[in-house]
Amino acid sequence: MVRNVAGEIRELEAEDFYLLSGVEHGMRFSKWVDRETLTEYARLDSEEVDHRIDRCERRGFIERKTMQYQGFRLTFEGYDALALHTLVERGTIEGFGAPLGVGKESDVYEVASYKSLALKYHREGYTNFREVQREREYTADRQHRSWLYTARKAAEGEYEALETVYPTVAVPRPIDHNRHAIVMEKLEGVELSRASLPDEQAVGVLDLILDELASAYEKGYVHADMSEYNVAVSEDGVTIFDWPQAVPTDHQNADEFLERDVSNLVSYFRRKYPNQIDVQDTASIARALCDGTFESVDDYQ
């Protein structure tokens, strides 16, 4: 788990962020940034660079490696510090709270603003970078790839999808983003995987989720990673979250991804509520979502 750096960025000075930004810039071109290039990238003189390296390395924001040259790179803590600093400078975030959720590909914290919000750090590539490289399209055309680039592109893709489908689709309202971090409204309700629905509500809740997927398709997006772990259920309805793998509907595999999303959801409901859900033909439901004719899973039982 990447540690929370919110309390530490108060100790940093402007020149520390210049140094971190310089390392970030250099990582666009190589995995390890040559010490000799940092005066240019950070726009600091050589003595100041050495001083800032010591301060940032001591706090675990950068790490070094001695090769044919002295190389440096950001840690995820350093990248978090850059994103958080920018969001604070913009006035998007005024305070930092407790963790809301820690997963394989993201960490989510409560933050204070005009109201309580959620800050999501993308972690794609942190522990499974090779797998992400194979699976995620935004890494496919990069000769030099890094977890930094992968996480940032995931956040950009998710934020763009949220901005496009909100408020037509029940998703967390996107507020702001920077680098690999997204600020959004907090989720209400409980994750579908942990919810125990009365049997008589199973069909209705599944219909609500599928209606949201139909609305997203109409707005131009397929979620492409649907499961019981990215739907929240509350008294007010359902909310669909985690959109970093979303694809536009003109993507060559969009309809295939939609059918997979439908199959995942129906399979979950069929396992958990076998007396209520007995749908086998998920392909027909997916086609109905595409053409706007879907009404209820009851029509396919």
C-alpha atoms as a PDB file:
ATOM      1  CA  MET A   1       0.000   0.000   0.000  1.00  0.00           C
ATOM      2  CA  VAL A   2       1.213   3.493  -0.856  1.00  0.00           C
ATOM      3  CA  ARG A   3       1.347   5.616   2.283  1.00  0.00           C
ATOM      4  CA  ASN A   4      -0.744   8.779   2.690  1.00  0.00           C
ATOM      5  CA  VAL A   5       1.433  11.846   2.001  1.00  0.00           C
ATOM      6  CA  ALA A   6      -1.153  14.520   2.834  1.00  0.00           C
ATOM      7  CA  GLY A   7       0.515  15.458   6.113  1.00  0.00           C
ATOM      8  CA  GLU A   8       3.972  15.616   4.568  1.00  0.00           C
ATOM      9  CA  ILE A   9       3.365  18.012   1.702  1.00  0.00           C
ATOM     10  CA  ARG A  10       3.035  20.860   4.213  1.00  0.00           C
ATOM     11  CA  GLU A  11       6.739  20.372   4.930  1.00  0.00           C
ATOM     12  CA  LEU A  12       7.706  20.800   1.284  1.00  0.00           C
ATOM     13  CA  GLU A  13       8.866  24.063  -0.238  1.00  0.00           C
ATOM     14  CA  ALA A  14       8.294  25.396  -3.745  1.00  0.00           C
ATOM     15  CA  GLU A  15      11.753  24.228  -4.855  1.00  0.00           C
ATOM     16  CA  ASP A  16      10.983  20.686  -3.698  1.00  0.00           C
ATOM     17  CA  PHE A  17       8.037  20.620  -6.082  1.00  0.00           C
ATOM     18  CA  TYR A  18      10.280  22.008  -8.848  1.00  0.00           C
ATOM     19  CA  LEU A  19      12.580  19.043  -8.281  1.00  0.00           C
ATOM     20  CA  LEU A  20       9.721  16.526  -8.246  1.00  0.00           C
ATOM     21  CA  SER A  21       8.270  18.059 -11.401  1.00  0.00           C
ATOM     22  CA  GLY A  22      11.698  17.867 -13.039  1.00  0.00           C
ATOM     23  CA  VAL A  23      11.985  14.164 -12.269  1.00  0.00           C
ATOM     24  CA  GLU A  24       8.442  13.674 -13.560  1.00  0.00           C
ATOM     25  CA  HIS A  25       9.363  15.420 -16.818  1.00  0.00           C
ATOM     26  CA  GLY A  26      12.483  13.322 -17.242  1.00  0.00           C
ATOM     27  CA  MET A  27      10.545  10.095 -16.744  1.00  0.00           C
ATOM     28  CA  ARG A  28       8.725  10.838 -19.990  1.00  0.00           C
ATOM     29  CA  PHE A  29      11.933   9.828 -21.761  1.00  0.00           C
ATOM     30  CA  SER A  30      13.597   7.238 -19.532  1.00  0.00           C
ATOM     31  CA  LYS A  31      12.899   5.040 -16.541  1.00  0.00           C
ATOM     32  CA  TRP A  32      15.700   6.670 -14.556  1.00  0.00           C
ATOM     33  CA  VAL A  33      16.435  10.392 -14.927  1.00  0.00           C
ATOM     34  CA  ASP A  34      20.088  11.344 -15.179  1.00  0.00           C
ATOM     35  CA  ARG A  35      21.180  13.658 -12.363  1.00  0.00           C
ATOM     36  CA  GLU A  36      22.939  15.869 -14.929  1.00  0.00           C
ATOM     37  CA  THR A  37      19.640  16.684 -16.656  1.00  0.00           C
ATOM     38  CA  LEU A  38      17.816  17.752 -13.499  1.00  0.00           C
ATOM     39  CA  THR A  39      19.205  21.282 -13.453  1.00  0.00           C
ATOM     40  CA  GLU A  40      17.454  21.813 -16.793  1.00  0.00           C
ATOM     41  CA  TYR A  41      14.274  19.885 -16.012  1.00  0.00           C
ATOM     42  CA  ALA A  42      13.809  21.373 -12.523  1.00  0.00           C
ATOM     43  CA  ARG A  43      15.124  24.833 -13.455  1.00  0.00           C
ATOM     44  CA  LEU A  44      17.350  24.868 -10.394  1.00  0.00           C
ATOM     45  CA  ASP A  45      21.122  25.282 -10.121  1.00  0.00           C
ATOM     46  CA  SER A  46      23.265  22.252  -9.343  1.00  0.00           C
ATOM     47  CA  GLU A  47      23.704  22.974  -5.637  1.00  0.00           C
ATOM     48  CA  GLU A  48      19.953  23.506  -5.188  1.00  0.00           C
ATOM     49  CA  VAL A  49      19.205  20.258  -7.040  1.00  0.00           C
ATOM     50  CA  ASP A  50      21.436  18.306  -4.640  1.00  0.00           C
ATOM     51  CA  HIS A  51      19.748  19.922  -1.637  1.00  0.00           C
ATOM     52  CA  ARG A  52      16.270  19.153  -2.952  1.00  0.00           C
ATOM     53  CA  ILE A  53      17.226  15.593  -3.857  1.00  0.00           C
ATOM     54  CA  ASP A  54      18.268  14.998  -0.256  1.00  0.00           C
ATOM     55  CA  ARG A  55      14.991  16.434   1.085  1.00  0.00           C
ATOM     56  CA  CYS A  56      12.758  14.500  -1.314  1.00  0.00           C
ATOM     57  CA  GLU A  57      14.686  11.233  -1.059  1.00  0.00           C
ATOM     58  CA  ARG A  58      14.598  11.393   2.736  1.00  0.00           C
ATOM     59  CA  ARG A  59      10.809  11.602   2.562  1.00  0.00           C
ATOM     60  CA  GLY A  60      10.568   8.719   0.117  1.00  0.00           C
ATOM     61  CA  PHE A  61       9.281  10.859  -2.773  1.00  0.00           C
ATOM     62  CA  ILE A  62      12.101   9.861  -5.113  1.00  0.00           C
ATOM     63  CA  GLU A  63      14.522   6.971  -5.301  1.00  0.00           C
ATOM     64  CA  ARG A  64      17.966   6.705  -6.862  1.00  0.00           C
ATOM     65  CA  LYS A  65      19.945   4.072  -8.711  1.00  0.00           C
ATOM     66  CA  THR A  66      23.628   4.119  -9.600  1.00  0.00           C
ATOM     67  CA  MET A  67      24.322   2.835 -13.104  1.00  0.00           C
ATOM     68  CA  GLN A  68      26.609   4.373 -15.697  1.00  0.00           C
ATOM     69  CA  TYR A  69      25.139   7.522 -14.198  1.00  0.00           C
ATOM     70  CA  GLN A  70      23.257   8.612 -11.088  1.00  0.00           C
ATOM     71  CA  GLY A  71      19.579   8.056 -11.912  1.00  0.00           C
ATOM     72  CA  PHE A  72      16.404   9.175 -10.117  1.00  0.00           C
ATOM     73  CA  ARG A  73      12.700   8.428 -10.436  1.00  0.00           C
ATOM     74  CA  LEU A  74       9.499   9.339  -8.632  1.00  0.00           C
ATOM     75  CA  THR A  75       7.885   6.965  -6.206  1.00  0.00           C
ATOM     76  CA  PHE A  76       4.092   6.770  -6.098  1.00  0.00           C
ATOM     77  CA  GLU A  77       4.298   8.881  -2.926  1.00  0.00           C
ATOM     78  CA  GLY A  78       6.123  11.564  -4.906  1.00  0.00           C
ATOM     79  CA  TYR A  79       3.551  11.431  -7.667  1.00  0.00           C
ATOM     80  CA  ASP A  80       0.754  11.666  -5.088  1.00  0.00           C
ATOM     81  CA  ALA A  81       2.457  14.731  -3.598  1.00  0.00           C
ATOM     82  CA  LEU A  82       2.563  16.474  -6.986  1.00  0.00           C
ATOM     83  CA  ALA A  83      -1.101  15.752  -7.765  1.00  0.00           C
ATOM     84  CA  LEU A  84      -2.313  16.665  -4.288  1.00  0.00           C
ATOM     85  CA  HIS A  85      -0.288  19.893  -4.267  1.00  0.00           C
ATOM     86  CA  THR A  86      -1.852  20.960  -7.575  1.00  0.00           C
ATOM     87  CA  LEU A  87      -5.395  20.175  -6.397  1.00  0.00           C
ATOM     88  CA  VAL A  88      -4.819  22.154  -3.203  1.00  0.00           C
ATOM     89  CA  GLU A  89      -3.357  25.088  -5.142  1.00  0.00           C
ATOM     90  CA  ARG A  90      -6.442  25.126  -7.361  1.00  0.00           C
ATOM     91  CA  GLY A  91      -8.696  25.230  -4.312  1.00  0.00           C
ATOM     92  CA  THR A  92     -10.327  21.906  -5.189  1.00  0.00           C
ATOM     93  CA  ILE A  93      -9.239  20.308  -1.910  1.00  0.00           C
ATOM     94  CA  GLU A  94      -9.169  22.033   1.460  1.00  0.00           C
ATOM     95  CA  GLY A  95      -8.558  19.107   3.789  1.00  0.00           C
ATOM     96  CA  PHE A  96      -7.688  15.428   3.809  1.00  0.00           C
ATOM     97  CA  GLY A  97      -9.566  12.669   5.601  1.00  0.00           C
ATOM     98  CA  ALA A  98      -9.645   8.935   6.167  1.00  0.00           C
ATOM     99  CA  PRO A  99      -9.308   6.148   3.577  1.00  0.00           C
ATOM    100  CA  LEU A 100     -12.574   5.140   1.915  1.00  0.00           C
ATOM    101  CA  GLY A 101     -11.184   2.162   0.055  1.00  0.00           C
ATOM    102  CA  VAL A 102      -7.879   0.583  -0.946  1.00  0.00           C
ATOM    103  CA  GLY A 103      -7.751  -1.695  -3.965  1.00  0.00           C
ATOM    104  CA  LYS A 104      -5.339  -3.280  -6.393  1.00  0.00           C
ATOM    105  CA  GLU A 105      -5.624  -0.432  -8.882  1.00  0.00           C
ATOM    106  CA  SER A 106      -6.694   2.570  -6.790  1.00  0.00           C
ATOM    107  CA  ASP A 107      -6.682   4.176  -3.358  1.00  0.00           C
ATOM    108  CA  VAL A 108      -9.655   6.363  -2.369  1.00  0.00           C
ATOM    109  CA  TYR A 109      -9.675   8.950   0.423  1.00  0.00           C
ATOM    110  CA  GLU A 110     -12.237  11.320   1.837  1.00  0.00           C
ATOM    111  CA  VAL A 111     -11.327  14.970   1.240  1.00  0.00           C
ATOM    112  CA  ALA A 112     -12.861  18.254   2.326  1.00  0.00           C
ATOM    113  CA  SER A 113     -14.019  20.883  -0.119  1.00  0.00           C
ATOM    114  CA  TYR A 114     -17.327  22.763  -0.382  1.00  0.00           C
ATOM    115  CA  LYS A 115     -18.608  19.428   0.918  1.00  0.00           C
ATOM    116  CA  SER A 116     -17.130  16.044   1.672  1.00  0.00           C
ATOM    117  CA  LEU A 117     -15.766  14.491  -1.542  1.00  0.00           C
ATOM    118  CA  ALA A 118     -13.667  11.501  -2.616  1.00  0.00           C
ATOM    119  CA  LEU A 119     -10.120  11.603  -3.981  1.00  0.00           C
ATOM    120  CA  LYS A 120      -9.139   8.602  -6.082  1.00  0.00           C
ATOM    121  CA  TYR A 121      -5.478   7.880  -6.841  1.00  0.00           C
ATOM    122  CA  HIS A 122      -5.030   5.493  -9.749  1.00  0.00           C
ATOM    123  CA  ARG A 123      -2.425   2.798  -9.067  1.00  0.00           C
ATOM    124  CA  GLU A 124      -2.435   0.930 -12.387  1.00  0.00           C
ATOM    125  CA  GLY A 125       0.975  -0.598 -12.909  1.00  0.00           C
ATOM    126  CA  TYR A 126       2.106  -0.301  -9.288  1.00  0.00           C
ATOM    127  CA  THR A 127       2.127  -4.049  -8.635  1.00  0.00           C
ATOM    128  CA  ASN A 128       1.068  -5.595 -11.952  1.00  0.00           C
ATOM    129  CA  PHE A 129       2.618  -3.353 -14.584  1.00  0.00           C
ATOM    130  CA  ARG A 130       3.330  -6.099 -17.125  1.00  0.00           C
ATOM    131  CA  GLU A 131      -0.271  -7.304 -16.978  1.00  0.00           C
ATOM    132  CA  VAL A 132      -1.570  -3.759 -17.397  1.00  0.00           C
ATOM    133  CA  GLN A 133       0.749  -3.242 -20.359  1.00  0.00           C
ATOM    134  CA  ARG A 134      -0.829  -6.220 -22.091  1.00  0.00           C
ATOM    135  CA  GLU A 135      -4.431  -5.378 -21.297  1.00  0.00           C
ATOM    136  CA  ARG A 136      -4.765  -1.603 -21.472  1.00  0.00           C
ATOM    137  CA  GLU A 137      -4.931   0.114 -24.831  1.00  0.00           C
ATOM    138  CA  TYR A 138      -3.414   3.342 -23.587  1.00  0.00           C
ATOM    139  CA  THR A 139      -0.058   1.575 -23.162  1.00  0.00           C
ATOM    140  CA  ALA A 140      -0.097  -0.224 -26.503  1.00  0.00           C
ATOM    141  CA  ASP A 141       1.560   2.433 -28.656  1.00  0.00           C
ATOM    142  CA  ARG A 142       4.234   3.585 -26.213  1.00  0.00           C
ATOM    143  CA  GLN A 143       7.864   2.647 -26.805  1.00  0.00           C
ATOM    144  CA  HIS A 144       8.825   3.789 -23.297  1.00  0.00           C
ATOM    145  CA  ARG A 145       6.140   3.065 -20.746  1.00  0.00           C
ATOM    146  CA  SER A 146       6.063   3.650 -17.015  1.00  0.00           C
ATOM    147  CA  TRP A 147       3.578   3.137 -14.221  1.00  0.00           C
ATOM    148  CA  LEU A 148       3.428   6.942 -14.035  1.00  0.00           C
ATOM    149  CA  TYR A 149       2.172   7.194 -17.609  1.00  0.00           C
ATOM    150  CA  THR A 150      -0.176   4.217 -17.188  1.00  0.00           C
ATOM    151  CA  ALA A 151      -1.807   5.580 -14.031  1.00  0.00           C
ATOM    152  CA  ARG A 152      -2.189   9.065 -15.516  1.00  0.00           C
ATOM    153  CA  LYS A 153      -3.809   7.763 -18.702  1.00  0.00           C
ATOM    154  CA  ALA A 154      -6.193   5.611 -16.665  1.00  0.00           C
ATOM    155  CA  ALA A 155      -7.271   8.661 -14.653  1.00  0.00           C
ATOM    156  CA  GLU A 156      -7.663  10.785 -17.770  1.00  0.00           C
ATOM    157  CA  GLY A 157      -9.769   8.103 -19.432  1.00  0.00           C
ATOM    158  CA  GLU A 158     -12.001   7.630 -16.416  1.00  0.00           C
ATOM    159  CA  TYR A 159     -12.486  11.366 -15.920  1.00  0.00           C
ATOM    160  CA  GLU A 160     -13.402  11.864 -19.578  1.00  0.00           C
ATOM    161  CA  ALA A 161     -15.942   9.023 -19.398  1.00  0.00           C
ATOM    162  CA  LEU A 162     -17.490  10.395 -16.200  1.00  0.00           C
ATOM    163  CA  GLU A 163     -17.744  13.909 -17.635  1.00  0.00           C
ATOM    164  CA  THR A 164     -19.425  12.551 -20.756  1.00  0.00           C
ATOM    165  CA  VAL A 165     -22.045  10.332 -19.126  1.00  0.00           C
ATOM    166  CA  TYR A 166     -22.839  12.455 -16.041  1.00  0.00           C
ATOM    167  CA  PRO A 167     -25.591  13.288 -15.097  1.00  0.00           C
ATOM    168  CA  THR A 168     -27.529  11.145 -17.589  1.00  0.00           C
ATOM    169  CA  VAL A 169     -25.958   8.040 -16.085  1.00  0.00           C
ATOM    170  CA  ALA A 170     -25.872   7.422 -12.334  1.00  0.00           C
ATOM    171  CA  VAL A 171     -22.131   7.827 -11.736  1.00  0.00           C
ATOM    172  CA  PRO A 172     -20.159   9.813  -9.156  1.00  0.00           C
ATOM    173  CA  ARG A 173     -20.108  13.449 -10.233  1.00  0.00           C
ATOM    174  CA  PRO A 174     -16.593  14.316 -11.490  1.00  0.00           C
ATOM    175  CA  ILE A 175     -15.189  17.473  -9.873  1.00  0.00           C
ATOM    176  CA  ASP A 176     -11.533  17.807 -10.946  1.00  0.00           C
ATOM    177  CA  HIS A 177      -8.491  15.754 -11.858  1.00  0.00           C
ATOM    178  CA  ASN A 178      -4.729  16.090 -12.045  1.00  0.00           C
ATOM    179  CA  ARG A 179      -2.188  13.534 -13.168  1.00  0.00           C
ATOM    180  CA  HIS A 180      -3.357  10.163 -11.751  1.00  0.00           C
ATOM    181  CA  ALA A 181      -5.857  11.647  -9.269  1.00  0.00           C
ATOM    182  CA  ILE A 182      -9.590  12.309  -9.624  1.00  0.00           C
ATOM    183  CA  VAL A 183     -11.813  14.261  -7.243  1.00  0.00           C
ATOM    184  CA  MET A 184     -15.441  13.183  -7.364  1.00  0.00           C
ATOM    185  CA  GLU A 185     -18.563  12.948  -5.264  1.00  0.00           C
ATOM    186  CA  LYS A 186     -18.575  10.239  -2.612  1.00  0.00           C
ATOM    187  CA  LEU A 187     -20.507   7.078  -3.304  1.00  0.00           C
ATOM    188  CA  GLU A 188     -23.740   6.521  -1.456  1.00  0.00           C
ATOM    189  CA  GLY A 189     -24.953   3.071  -0.543  1.00  0.00           C
ATOM    190  CA  VAL A 190     -23.263  -0.318  -0.316  1.00  0.00           C
ATOM    191  CA  GLU A 191     -21.336  -2.277  -2.913  1.00  0.00           C
ATOM    192  CA  LEU A 192     -23.588  -4.717  -4.755  1.00  0.00           C
ATOM    193  CA  SER A 193     -21.332  -7.654  -3.824  1.00  0.00           C
ATOM    194  CA  ARG A 194     -22.019  -6.942  -0.131  1.00  0.00           C
ATOM    195  CA  ALA A 195     -25.720  -6.123  -0.495  1.00  0.00           C
ATOM    196  CA  SER A 196     -28.427  -8.592   0.484  1.00  0.00           C
ATOM    197  CA  LEU A 197     -31.463  -7.708  -1.588  1.00  0.00           C
ATOM    198  CA  PRO A 198     -34.913  -9.069  -0.806  1.00  0.00           C
ATOM    199  CA  ASP A 199     -35.682 -11.663  -3.469  1.00  0.00           C
ATOM    200  CA  GLU A 200     -38.549  -9.610  -4.830  1.00  0.00           C
ATOM    201  CA  GLN A 201     -36.152  -6.693  -5.540  1.00  0.00           C
ATOM    202  CA  ALA A 202     -33.539  -8.665  -7.477  1.00  0.00           C
ATOM    203  CA  VAL A 203     -35.105  -8.233 -10.918  1.00  0.00           C
ATOM    204  CA  GLY A 204     -35.807  -4.550 -10.299  1.00  0.00           C
ATOM    205  CA  VAL A 205     -32.233  -3.776  -9.235  1.00  0.00           C
ATOM    206  CA  LEU A 206     -30.758  -5.680 -12.171  1.00  0.00           C
ATOM    207  CA  ASP A 207     -33.096  -3.751 -14.479  1.00  0.00           C
ATOM    208  CA  LEU A 208     -31.890  -0.456 -12.963  1.00  0.00           C
ATOM    209  CA  ILE A 209     -28.252  -1.363 -13.594  1.00  0.00           C
ATOM    210  CA  LEU A 210     -28.938  -2.441 -17.168  1.00  0.00           C
ATOM    211  CA  ASP A 211     -30.905   0.765 -17.769  1.00  0.00           C
ATOM    212  CA  GLU A 212     -27.801   2.724 -16.715  1.00  0.00           C
ATOM    213  CA  LEU A 213     -25.662   0.747 -19.160  1.00  0.00           C
ATOM    214  CA  ALA A 214     -28.178   1.541 -21.908  1.00  0.00           C
ATOM    215  CA  SER A 215     -27.997   5.244 -21.033  1.00  0.00           C
ATOM    216  CA  ALA A 216     -24.190   5.114 -21.052  1.00  0.00           C
ATOM    217  CA  TYR A 217     -24.275   3.486 -24.489  1.00  0.00           C
ATOM    218  CA  GLU A 218     -26.567   6.241 -25.734  1.00  0.00           C
ATOM    219  CA  LYS A 219     -24.076   8.811 -24.388  1.00  0.00           C
ATOM    220  CA  GLY A 220     -21.268   7.065 -26.254  1.00  0.00           C
ATOM    221  CA  TYR A 221     -19.584   4.784 -23.705  1.00  0.00           C
ATOM    222  CA  VAL A 222     -19.380   1.140 -22.663  1.00  0.00           C
ATOM    223  CA  HIS A 223     -18.109   0.502 -19.139  1.00  0.00           C
ATOM    224  CA  ALA A 224     -16.147  -2.613 -20.237  1.00  0.00           C
ATOM    225  CA  ASP A 225     -15.382  -3.833 -16.704  1.00  0.00           C
ATOM    226  CA  MET A 226     -18.780  -4.393 -15.083  1.00  0.00           C
ATOM    227  CA  SER A 227     -19.171  -6.656 -12.106  1.00  0.00           C
ATOM    228  CA  GLU A 228     -20.804  -6.740  -8.690  1.00  0.00           C
ATOM    229  CA  TYR A 229     -17.772  -4.838  -7.359  1.00  0.00           C
ATOM    230  CA  ASN A 230     -18.383  -1.548  -9.171  1.00  0.00           C
ATOM    231  CA  VAL A 231     -22.064  -0.987  -8.516  1.00  0.00           C
ATOM    232  CA  ALA A 232     -23.341   0.692  -5.353  1.00  0.00           C
ATOM    233  CA  VAL A 233     -26.918   0.127  -4.200  1.00  0.00           C
ATOM    234  CA  SER A 234     -28.845   2.584  -2.018  1.00  0.00           C
ATOM    235  CA  GLU A 235     -32.434   3.535  -1.264  1.00  0.00           C
ATOM    236  CA  ASP A 236     -32.199   6.104  -4.079  1.00  0.00           C
ATOM    237  CA  GLY A 237     -31.129   3.604  -6.720  1.00  0.00           C
ATOM    238  CA  VAL A 238     -27.816   2.402  -8.109  1.00  0.00           C
ATOM    239  CA  THR A 239     -24.505   4.090  -8.919  1.00  0.00           C
ATOM    240  CA  ILE A 240     -21.953   2.686 -11.352  1.00  0.00           C
ATOM    241  CA  PHE A 241     -18.318   3.501 -10.595  1.00  0.00           C
ATOM    242  CA  ASP A 242     -14.765   2.621 -11.709  1.00  0.00           C
ATOM    243  CA  TRP A 243     -14.663   3.649 -15.385  1.00  0.00           C
ATOM    244  CA  PRO A 244     -10.940   3.577 -16.322  1.00  0.00           C
ATOM    245  CA  GLN A 245     -11.420   0.775 -18.862  1.00  0.00           C
ATOM    246  CA  ALA A 246     -14.468   2.392 -20.519  1.00  0.00           C
ATOM    247  CA  VAL A 247     -14.395   2.538 -24.311  1.00  0.00           C
ATOM    248  CA  PRO A 248     -16.314   4.713 -26.781  1.00  0.00           C
ATOM    249  CA  THR A 249     -19.176   3.002 -28.573  1.00  0.00           C
ATOM    250  CA  ASP A 250     -17.349   3.393 -31.889  1.00  0.00           C
ATOM    251  CA  HIS A 251     -14.538   1.183 -30.569  1.00  0.00           C
ATOM    252  CA  GLN A 252     -14.237  -1.969 -32.677  1.00  0.00           C
ATOM    253  CA  ASN A 253     -14.901  -4.198 -29.652  1.00  0.00           C
ATOM    254  CA  ALA A 254     -17.476  -2.014 -27.891  1.00  0.00           C
ATOM    255  CA  ASP A 255     -20.444  -4.313 -28.464  1.00  0.00           C
ATOM    256  CA  GLU A 256     -18.394  -7.330 -27.410  1.00  0.00           C
ATOM    257  CA  PHE A 257     -17.434  -5.541 -24.180  1.00  0.00           C
ATOM    258  CA  LEU A 258     -21.063  -4.591 -23.559  1.00  0.00           C
ATOM    259  CA  GLU A 259     -22.176  -8.186 -23.960  1.00  0.00           C
ATOM    260  CA  ARG A 260     -19.457  -9.238 -21.500  1.00  0.00           C
ATOM    261  CA  ASP A 261     -20.650  -6.585 -19.030  1.00  0.00           C
ATOM    262  CA  VAL A 262     -24.208  -7.882 -19.292  1.00  0.00           C
ATOM    263  CA  SER A 263     -23.069 -11.493 -18.944  1.00  0.00           C
ATOM    264  CA  ASN A 264     -21.043 -10.681 -15.809  1.00  0.00           C
ATOM    265  CA  LEU A 265     -23.976  -8.945 -14.142  1.00  0.00           C
ATOM    266  CA  VAL A 266     -26.593 -11.533 -15.092  1.00  0.00           C
ATOM    267  CA  SER A 267     -24.308 -14.375 -13.989  1.00  0.00           C
ATOM    268  CA  TYR A 268     -23.861 -12.745 -10.589  1.00  0.00           C
ATOM    269  CA  PHE A 269     -27.604 -12.255 -10.088  1.00  0.00           C
ATOM    270  CA  ARG A 270     -28.321 -15.767 -11.337  1.00  0.00           C
ATOM    271  CA  ARG A 271     -25.915 -17.227  -8.761  1.00  0.00           C
ATOM    272  CA  LYS A 272     -27.109 -15.106  -5.852  1.00  0.00           C
ATOM    273  CA  TYR A 273     -30.840 -14.999  -6.654  1.00  0.00           C
ATOM    274  CA  PRO A 274     -31.490 -18.254  -8.569  1.00  0.00           C
ATOM    275  CA  ASN A 275     -35.208 -18.242  -7.775  1.00  0.00           C
ATOM    276  CA  GLN A 276     -35.632 -14.809  -9.345  1.00  0.00           C
ATOM    277  CA  ILE A 277     -33.125 -14.687 -12.222  1.00  0.00           C
ATOM    278  CA  ASP A 278     -32.842 -17.437 -14.819  1.00  0.00           C
ATOM    279  CA  VAL A 279     -31.596 -15.595 -17.903  1.00  0.00           C
ATOM    280  CA  GLN A 280     -29.349 -17.418 -20.378  1.00  0.00           C
ATOM    281  CA  ASP A 281     -29.533 -15.246 -23.498  1.00  0.00           C
ATOM    282  CA  THR A 282     -27.405 -12.278 -22.437  1.00  0.00           C
ATOM    283  CA  ALA A 283     -26.515 -11.471 -26.052  1.00  0.00           C
ATOM    284  CA  SER A 284     -30.128 -10.503 -26.766  1.00  0.00           C
ATOM    285  CA  ILE A 285     -30.178  -8.217 -23.728  1.00  0.00           C
ATOM    286  CA  ALA A 286     -26.968  -6.533 -24.891  1.00  0.00           C
ATOM    287  CA  ARG A 287     -28.473  -5.929 -28.341  1.00  0.00           C
ATOM    288  CA  ALA A 288     -31.575  -4.451 -26.727  1.00  0.00           C
ATOM    289  CA  LEU A 289     -29.416  -2.087 -24.676  1.00  0.00           C
ATOM    290  CA  CYS A 290     -27.704  -0.943 -27.881  1.00  0.00           C
ATOM    291  CA  ASP A 291     -30.895  -0.258 -29.820  1.00  0.00           C
ATOM    292  CA  GLY A 292     -32.834   1.205 -26.896  1.00  0.00           C
ATOM    293  CA  THR A 293     -35.524  -1.489 -26.699  1.00  0.00           C
ATOM    294  CA  PHE A 294     -34.603  -3.012 -23.337  1.00  0.00           C
ATOM    295  CA  GLU A 295     -37.374  -2.965 -20.717  1.00  0.00           C
ATOM    296  CA  SER A 296     -36.784  -5.784 -18.235  1.00  0.00           C
ATOM    297  CA  VAL A 297     -34.850  -9.009 -17.780  1.00  0.00           C
ATOM    298  CA  ASP A 298     -38.215 -10.656 -17.219  1.00  0.00           C
ATOM    299  CA  ASP A 299     -38.693 -10.479 -20.975  1.00  0.00           C
ATOM    300  CA  TYR A 300     -35.730 -12.875 -21.403  1.00  0.00           C
ATOM    301  CA  GLN A 301     -36.587 -15.484 -18.773  1.00  0.00           C
END
